């Protein structure tokens, strides 16, 4: 079951990380090409047609599988080891990401997707996800 959770976690991370990368790195090129107003229309279509329906499922699977895997390590977690320190850091970052995602969803639902807080939440998610991916690999290297 652990191996299945690891696979689900990896797939969830790839999808979620890819969506965040697309939103933060790729889509802004459309803003330069089409202007702010048209970009917002395109972004809303993408988010409303696909994002709202697909991404929450992958985020839910990502967090459920992550918590499932964490419980295997939590019993004997030694915070004096590199693995323990990196795992706790990774979990802490994951909770920050969850709070930022919930903030972005709240703002989007309230029609405030053009606010600076919405934009900062996306950039924050991007940065934290980037570091979570690095920590996930370092945990088993160091």
N, C-alpha and C. Protein backbone atom coordinates (compact mmCIF):
# COMPACT_ATOMS: atom_id res chain seq x y z
N UNK A 1 0.82 -1.19 0.00
CA UNK A 1 0.00 0.00 0.00
C UNK A 1 0.87 1.26 0.00
N UNK A 2 2.01 1.19 0.70
CA UNK A 2 2.91 2.34 0.77
C UNK A 2 3.39 2.72 -0.64
N UNK A 3 3.74 1.73 -1.43
CA UNK A 3 4.23 1.99 -2.79
C UNK A 3 3.15 2.64 -3.66
N UNK A 4 1.91 2.23 -3.48
CA UNK A 4 0.79 2.84 -4.20
C UNK A 4 0.63 4.30 -3.77
N UNK A 5 0.74 4.55 -2.47
CA UNK A 5 0.65 5.93 -1.97
C UNK A 5 1.77 6.78 -2.54
N UNK A 6 2.95 6.20 -2.66
CA UNK A 6 4.09 6.93 -3.23
C UNK A 6 3.83 7.28 -4.70
N UNK A 7 3.25 6.35 -5.44
CA UNK A 7 2.92 6.59 -6.84
C UNK A 7 1.85 7.69 -6.97
N UNK A 8 0.80 7.59 -6.17
CA UNK A 8 -0.27 8.60 -6.18
C UNK A 8 0.31 9.97 -5.81
N UNK A 9 1.19 9.98 -4.81
CA UNK A 9 1.82 11.23 -4.36
C UNK A 9 2.66 11.85 -5.48
N UNK A 10 3.41 11.03 -6.16
CA UNK A 10 4.24 11.52 -7.26
C UNK A 10 3.39 12.08 -8.40
N UNK A 11 2.35 11.37 -8.77
CA UNK A 11 1.45 11.84 -9.84
C UNK A 11 0.79 13.16 -9.43
N UNK A 12 0.31 13.22 -8.19
CA UNK A 12 -0.30 14.45 -7.69
C UNK A 12 0.68 15.61 -7.72
N UNK A 13 1.92 15.35 -7.32
CA UNK A 13 2.95 16.40 -7.30
C UNK A 13 3.28 16.88 -8.71
N UNK A 14 3.35 15.96 -9.65
CA UNK A 14 3.65 16.33 -11.04
C UNK A 14 2.53 17.20 -11.61
N UNK A 15 1.29 16.78 -11.41
CA UNK A 15 0.15 17.54 -11.95
C UNK A 15 0.07 18.91 -11.28
N UNK A 16 0.08 18.93 -9.95
CA UNK A 16 -0.03 20.19 -9.23
C UNK A 16 1.15 21.10 -9.53
N UNK A 17 2.36 20.56 -9.48
CA UNK A 17 3.55 21.36 -9.80
C UNK A 17 3.50 21.90 -11.22
N UNK A 18 3.01 21.08 -12.15
CA UNK A 18 2.89 21.52 -13.54
C UNK A 18 1.88 22.63 -13.71
N UNK A 19 0.78 22.53 -13.01
CA UNK A 19 -0.24 23.58 -13.08
C UNK A 19 0.31 24.89 -12.52
N UNK A 20 0.98 24.80 -11.38
CA UNK A 20 1.55 26.00 -10.76
C UNK A 20 2.61 26.61 -11.68
N UNK A 21 3.47 25.77 -12.26
CA UNK A 21 4.49 26.26 -13.18
C UNK A 21 3.85 26.96 -14.37
N UNK A 22 2.80 26.36 -14.91
CA UNK A 22 2.10 26.95 -16.04
C UNK A 22 1.52 28.31 -15.68
N UNK A 23 0.87 28.39 -14.52
CA UNK A 23 0.24 29.64 -14.10
C UNK A 23 1.25 30.74 -13.82
N UNK A 24 2.38 30.39 -13.23
CA UNK A 24 3.33 31.41 -12.79
C UNK A 24 4.37 31.75 -13.87
N UNK A 25 4.78 30.76 -14.64
CA UNK A 25 5.87 30.98 -15.60
C UNK A 25 5.37 31.13 -17.04
N UNK A 26 4.45 30.27 -17.47
CA UNK A 26 4.06 30.25 -18.88
C UNK A 26 2.93 31.22 -19.22
N UNK A 27 1.86 31.20 -18.44
CA UNK A 27 0.70 32.04 -18.78
C UNK A 27 0.97 33.54 -18.81
N UNK A 28 1.86 34.06 -17.97
CA UNK A 28 2.11 35.50 -18.05
C UNK A 28 2.60 35.98 -19.42
N UNK A 29 3.14 35.08 -20.23
CA UNK A 29 3.53 35.46 -21.60
C UNK A 29 2.30 35.89 -22.40
N UNK A 30 1.14 35.32 -22.07
CA UNK A 30 -0.10 35.71 -22.75
C UNK A 30 -0.50 37.14 -22.38
N UNK A 31 -0.17 37.54 -21.16
CA UNK A 31 -0.49 38.90 -20.72
C UNK A 31 0.27 39.92 -21.57
N UNK A 32 1.53 39.59 -21.87
CA UNK A 32 2.34 40.47 -22.71
C UNK A 32 1.79 40.54 -24.13
N UNK A 33 1.30 39.42 -24.62
CA UNK A 33 0.81 39.33 -26.00
C UNK A 33 -0.57 39.96 -26.17
N UNK A 34 -1.49 39.68 -25.23
CA UNK A 34 -2.89 40.09 -25.39
C UNK A 34 -3.33 41.24 -24.50
N UNK A 35 -2.53 41.61 -23.53
CA UNK A 35 -2.93 42.67 -22.61
C UNK A 35 -3.61 42.10 -21.38
N UNK A 36 -3.69 42.94 -20.35
CA UNK A 36 -4.20 42.52 -19.04
C UNK A 36 -5.64 42.00 -19.10
N UNK A 37 -6.53 42.75 -19.75
CA UNK A 37 -7.95 42.40 -19.76
C UNK A 37 -8.19 41.06 -20.46
N UNK A 38 -7.64 40.90 -21.64
CA UNK A 38 -7.83 39.65 -22.39
C UNK A 38 -7.15 38.48 -21.68
N UNK A 39 -6.00 38.76 -21.06
CA UNK A 39 -5.32 37.72 -20.29
C UNK A 39 -6.20 37.22 -19.15
N UNK A 40 -6.84 38.11 -18.44
CA UNK A 40 -7.74 37.72 -17.34
C UNK A 40 -8.89 36.86 -17.85
N UNK A 41 -9.42 37.18 -19.03
CA UNK A 41 -10.48 36.36 -19.62
C UNK A 41 -9.98 34.96 -19.95
N UNK A 42 -8.81 34.88 -20.54
CA UNK A 42 -8.21 33.58 -20.88
C UNK A 42 -7.95 32.78 -19.61
N UNK A 43 -7.38 33.44 -18.61
CA UNK A 43 -7.06 32.78 -17.34
C UNK A 43 -8.33 32.24 -16.68
N UNK A 44 -9.40 33.04 -16.68
CA UNK A 44 -10.65 32.59 -16.08
C UNK A 44 -11.23 31.38 -16.81
N UNK A 45 -11.12 31.38 -18.14
CA UNK A 45 -11.61 30.24 -18.92
C UNK A 45 -10.83 28.99 -18.55
N UNK A 46 -9.52 29.11 -18.48
CA UNK A 46 -8.69 27.95 -18.15
C UNK A 46 -9.01 27.45 -16.75
N UNK A 47 -9.09 28.36 -15.80
CA UNK A 47 -9.34 27.96 -14.42
C UNK A 47 -10.75 27.40 -14.26
N UNK A 48 -11.75 28.07 -14.83
CA UNK A 48 -13.13 27.63 -14.65
C UNK A 48 -13.45 26.36 -15.42
N UNK A 49 -12.90 26.22 -16.61
CA UNK A 49 -13.23 25.05 -17.44
C UNK A 49 -12.49 23.79 -16.98
N UNK A 50 -11.24 23.95 -16.58
CA UNK A 50 -10.45 22.77 -16.23
C UNK A 50 -9.91 22.80 -14.81
N UNK A 51 -9.29 23.90 -14.46
CA UNK A 51 -8.59 23.98 -13.18
C UNK A 51 -9.43 23.65 -11.98
N UNK A 52 -10.59 24.27 -11.86
CA UNK A 52 -11.46 24.06 -10.70
C UNK A 52 -11.95 22.63 -10.62
N UNK A 53 -12.07 21.98 -11.77
CA UNK A 53 -12.58 20.61 -11.79
C UNK A 53 -11.49 19.57 -11.54
N UNK A 54 -10.29 19.82 -12.01
CA UNK A 54 -9.23 18.82 -11.98
C UNK A 54 -8.26 19.00 -10.83
N UNK A 55 -7.76 20.20 -10.65
CA UNK A 55 -6.67 20.44 -9.70
C UNK A 55 -7.04 20.07 -8.26
N UNK A 56 -8.22 20.43 -7.75
CA UNK A 56 -8.52 20.05 -6.36
C UNK A 56 -8.44 18.54 -6.11
N UNK A 57 -8.84 17.73 -7.07
CA UNK A 57 -8.75 16.29 -6.92
C UNK A 57 -7.29 15.86 -6.75
N UNK A 58 -6.41 16.39 -7.58
CA UNK A 58 -4.99 16.02 -7.49
C UNK A 58 -4.36 16.56 -6.21
N UNK A 59 -4.76 17.74 -5.78
CA UNK A 59 -4.25 18.29 -4.53
C UNK A 59 -4.71 17.43 -3.36
N UNK A 60 -5.97 17.02 -3.38
CA UNK A 60 -6.49 16.16 -2.32
C UNK A 60 -5.73 14.84 -2.27
N UNK A 61 -5.54 14.22 -3.43
CA UNK A 61 -4.79 12.96 -3.49
C UNK A 61 -3.34 13.16 -3.03
N UNK A 62 -2.76 14.27 -3.40
CA UNK A 62 -1.39 14.59 -3.01
C UNK A 62 -1.26 14.66 -1.49
N UNK A 63 -2.18 15.38 -0.85
CA UNK A 63 -2.11 15.54 0.61
C UNK A 63 -2.50 14.26 1.35
N UNK A 64 -3.49 13.55 0.88
CA UNK A 64 -3.88 12.30 1.54
C UNK A 64 -2.74 11.28 1.46
N UNK A 65 -2.16 11.14 0.29
CA UNK A 65 -1.06 10.18 0.14
C UNK A 65 0.16 10.63 0.95
N UNK A 66 0.41 11.94 0.99
CA UNK A 66 1.52 12.46 1.79
C UNK A 66 1.34 12.19 3.27
N UNK A 67 0.14 12.42 3.77
CA UNK A 67 -0.14 12.13 5.18
C UNK A 67 -0.04 10.63 5.48
N UNK A 68 -0.51 9.83 4.54
CA UNK A 68 -0.42 8.38 4.71
C UNK A 68 1.04 7.95 4.80
N UNK A 69 1.88 8.47 3.92
CA UNK A 69 3.30 8.11 3.96
C UNK A 69 3.98 8.67 5.21
N UNK A 70 3.60 9.88 5.60
CA UNK A 70 4.21 10.50 6.78
C UNK A 70 3.99 9.67 8.04
N UNK A 71 2.82 9.06 8.14
CA UNK A 71 2.55 8.30 9.36
C UNK A 71 3.49 7.11 9.54
N UNK A 72 4.10 6.62 8.46
CA UNK A 72 5.08 5.54 8.56
C UNK A 72 6.37 6.03 9.21
N UNK A 73 6.71 7.30 8.98
CA UNK A 73 7.95 7.85 9.51
C UNK A 73 7.75 8.53 10.86
N UNK A 74 6.54 8.99 11.14
CA UNK A 74 6.28 9.79 12.33
C UNK A 74 6.59 9.05 13.63
N UNK A 75 6.34 7.75 13.65
CA UNK A 75 6.52 6.97 14.88
C UNK A 75 7.97 6.99 15.37
N UNK A 76 8.89 6.85 14.45
CA UNK A 76 10.31 6.77 14.81
C UNK A 76 11.11 7.94 14.26
N UNK A 77 10.47 9.07 14.08
CA UNK A 77 11.14 10.22 13.48
C UNK A 77 12.18 10.79 14.43
N UNK A 78 13.41 10.83 13.97
CA UNK A 78 14.52 11.36 14.76
C UNK A 78 14.90 12.72 14.17
N UNK A 79 14.58 13.77 14.90
CA UNK A 79 14.83 15.13 14.40
C UNK A 79 16.30 15.53 14.47
N UNK A 80 17.13 14.66 14.99
CA UNK A 80 18.56 14.97 14.99
C UNK A 80 19.23 14.50 13.68
N UNK A 81 18.49 13.76 12.86
CA UNK A 81 19.05 13.31 11.58
C UNK A 81 18.67 14.28 10.47
N UNK A 82 19.44 14.25 9.40
CA UNK A 82 19.12 15.08 8.23
C UNK A 82 17.75 14.71 7.67
N UNK A 83 17.47 13.40 7.61
CA UNK A 83 16.18 12.95 7.10
C UNK A 83 15.04 13.55 7.91
N UNK A 84 15.12 13.47 9.22
CA UNK A 84 14.06 14.00 10.09
C UNK A 84 13.87 15.49 9.92
N UNK A 85 14.98 16.22 9.88
CA UNK A 85 14.90 17.69 9.72
C UNK A 85 14.29 18.06 8.36
N UNK A 86 14.73 17.37 7.32
CA UNK A 86 14.23 17.68 5.98
C UNK A 86 12.76 17.28 5.83
N UNK A 87 12.38 16.16 6.43
CA UNK A 87 10.98 15.73 6.35
C UNK A 87 10.07 16.73 7.07
N UNK A 88 10.46 17.17 8.24
CA UNK A 88 9.64 18.15 8.97
C UNK A 88 9.58 19.47 8.21
N UNK A 89 10.68 19.87 7.61
CA UNK A 89 10.68 21.09 6.80
C UNK A 89 9.75 20.93 5.60
N UNK A 90 9.82 19.77 4.94
CA UNK A 90 8.97 19.51 3.79
C UNK A 90 7.49 19.53 4.18
N UNK A 91 7.15 18.90 5.27
CA UNK A 91 5.76 18.88 5.74
C UNK A 91 5.30 20.29 6.10
N UNK A 92 6.16 21.05 6.75
CA UNK A 92 5.82 22.44 7.10
C UNK A 92 5.57 23.26 5.84
N UNK A 93 6.43 23.11 4.86
CA UNK A 93 6.24 23.82 3.59
C UNK A 93 4.93 23.39 2.92
N UNK A 94 4.60 22.10 3.02
CA UNK A 94 3.36 21.61 2.41
C UNK A 94 2.14 22.25 3.06
N UNK A 95 2.20 22.48 4.36
CA UNK A 95 1.07 23.14 5.02
C UNK A 95 0.99 24.62 4.62
N UNK A 96 2.14 25.25 4.41
CA UNK A 96 2.13 26.63 3.91
C UNK A 96 1.49 26.66 2.52
N UNK A 97 1.86 25.71 1.67
CA UNK A 97 1.28 25.63 0.33
C UNK A 97 -0.23 25.45 0.43
N UNK A 98 -0.68 24.58 1.31
CA UNK A 98 -2.11 24.36 1.48
C UNK A 98 -2.83 25.66 1.87
N UNK A 99 -2.24 26.40 2.78
CA UNK A 99 -2.85 27.67 3.19
C UNK A 99 -2.89 28.67 2.04
N UNK A 100 -1.83 28.71 1.25
CA UNK A 100 -1.78 29.62 0.09
C UNK A 100 -2.79 29.20 -0.98
N UNK A 101 -2.93 27.90 -1.20
CA UNK A 101 -3.91 27.40 -2.18
C UNK A 101 -5.33 27.74 -1.72
N UNK A 102 -5.60 27.51 -0.45
CA UNK A 102 -6.94 27.84 0.07
C UNK A 102 -7.21 29.34 -0.02
N UNK A 103 -6.19 30.15 0.21
CA UNK A 103 -6.33 31.60 0.07
C UNK A 103 -6.65 31.96 -1.37
N UNK A 104 -5.92 31.37 -2.32
CA UNK A 104 -6.16 31.66 -3.74
C UNK A 104 -7.56 31.22 -4.16
N UNK A 105 -7.99 30.05 -3.71
CA UNK A 105 -9.34 29.57 -4.05
C UNK A 105 -10.39 30.52 -3.47
N UNK A 106 -10.21 30.91 -2.22
CA UNK A 106 -11.14 31.84 -1.57
C UNK A 106 -11.23 33.15 -2.35
N UNK A 107 -10.08 33.69 -2.73
CA UNK A 107 -10.07 34.95 -3.49
C UNK A 107 -10.72 34.78 -4.86
N UNK A 108 -10.45 33.66 -5.50
CA UNK A 108 -11.02 33.41 -6.83
C UNK A 108 -12.54 33.32 -6.75
N UNK A 109 -13.04 32.58 -5.77
CA UNK A 109 -14.49 32.42 -5.60
C UNK A 109 -15.15 33.76 -5.27
N UNK A 110 -14.45 34.59 -4.55
CA UNK A 110 -14.99 35.91 -4.18
C UNK A 110 -14.82 36.94 -5.30
N UNK A 111 -14.27 36.52 -6.44
CA UNK A 111 -14.11 37.42 -7.57
C UNK A 111 -12.94 38.37 -7.43
N UNK A 112 -11.95 37.99 -6.63
CA UNK A 112 -10.80 38.86 -6.39
C UNK A 112 -9.52 38.26 -6.97
N UNK A 113 -9.66 37.60 -8.11
CA UNK A 113 -8.49 36.97 -8.72
C UNK A 113 -7.53 37.99 -9.34
N UNK A 114 -7.94 39.24 -9.37
CA UNK A 114 -7.05 40.28 -9.90
C UNK A 114 -6.29 41.00 -8.78
N UNK A 115 -6.50 40.58 -7.53
CA UNK A 115 -5.83 41.23 -6.41
C UNK A 115 -4.37 40.82 -6.33
N UNK A 116 -3.58 41.66 -5.69
CA UNK A 116 -2.16 41.36 -5.50
C UNK A 116 -1.99 40.14 -4.60
N UNK A 117 -2.86 39.97 -3.62
CA UNK A 117 -2.76 38.82 -2.72
C UNK A 117 -2.92 37.51 -3.49
N UNK A 118 -3.83 37.48 -4.47
CA UNK A 118 -4.02 36.30 -5.31
C UNK A 118 -2.73 36.01 -6.08
N UNK A 119 -2.14 37.04 -6.63
CA UNK A 119 -0.89 36.88 -7.39
C UNK A 119 0.24 36.41 -6.48
N UNK A 120 0.36 37.04 -5.31
CA UNK A 120 1.41 36.65 -4.36
C UNK A 120 1.22 35.21 -3.88
N UNK A 121 -0.03 34.80 -3.71
CA UNK A 121 -0.30 33.42 -3.29
C UNK A 121 0.22 32.44 -4.34
N UNK A 122 0.01 32.76 -5.61
CA UNK A 122 0.50 31.88 -6.68
C UNK A 122 2.03 31.83 -6.70
N UNK A 123 2.66 32.98 -6.57
CA UNK A 123 4.13 33.00 -6.54
C UNK A 123 4.66 32.24 -5.33
N UNK A 124 3.98 32.41 -4.19
CA UNK A 124 4.38 31.69 -2.98
C UNK A 124 4.27 30.19 -3.16
N UNK A 125 3.16 29.74 -3.73
CA UNK A 125 2.97 28.32 -3.98
C UNK A 125 4.08 27.80 -4.89
N UNK A 126 4.39 28.55 -5.94
CA UNK A 126 5.44 28.14 -6.88
C UNK A 126 6.78 27.96 -6.16
N UNK A 127 7.16 28.92 -5.35
CA UNK A 127 8.45 28.87 -4.64
C UNK A 127 8.47 27.70 -3.65
N UNK A 128 7.40 27.56 -2.87
CA UNK A 128 7.37 26.49 -1.88
C UNK A 128 7.33 25.11 -2.53
N UNK A 129 6.58 24.96 -3.62
CA UNK A 129 6.54 23.67 -4.32
C UNK A 129 7.92 23.33 -4.88
N UNK A 130 8.59 24.32 -5.42
CA UNK A 130 9.95 24.12 -5.94
C UNK A 130 10.86 23.57 -4.84
N UNK A 131 10.81 24.18 -3.66
CA UNK A 131 11.66 23.72 -2.56
C UNK A 131 11.20 22.38 -1.99
N UNK A 132 9.92 22.12 -1.99
CA UNK A 132 9.42 20.82 -1.54
C UNK A 132 9.96 19.70 -2.42
N UNK A 133 9.99 19.94 -3.72
CA UNK A 133 10.52 18.94 -4.66
C UNK A 133 12.00 18.67 -4.37
N UNK A 134 12.75 19.73 -4.13
CA UNK A 134 14.18 19.57 -3.81
C UNK A 134 14.34 18.82 -2.48
N UNK A 135 13.55 19.22 -1.48
CA UNK A 135 13.64 18.54 -0.17
C UNK A 135 13.28 17.06 -0.28
N UNK A 136 12.30 16.73 -1.12
CA UNK A 136 11.89 15.33 -1.29
C UNK A 136 13.05 14.47 -1.76
N UNK A 137 13.87 15.02 -2.62
CA UNK A 137 15.03 14.25 -3.10
C UNK A 137 16.16 14.27 -2.09
N UNK A 138 16.41 15.43 -1.48
CA UNK A 138 17.51 15.53 -0.52
C UNK A 138 17.31 14.64 0.69
N UNK A 139 16.06 14.39 1.08
CA UNK A 139 15.77 13.55 2.24
C UNK A 139 16.43 12.18 2.11
N UNK A 140 16.51 11.68 0.90
CA UNK A 140 17.04 10.33 0.70
C UNK A 140 18.48 10.34 0.18
N UNK A 141 19.05 11.53 0.05
CA UNK A 141 20.44 11.65 -0.40
C UNK A 141 21.37 11.97 0.78
N UNK A 142 20.94 12.93 1.59
CA UNK A 142 21.80 13.40 2.70
C UNK A 142 21.73 12.50 3.91
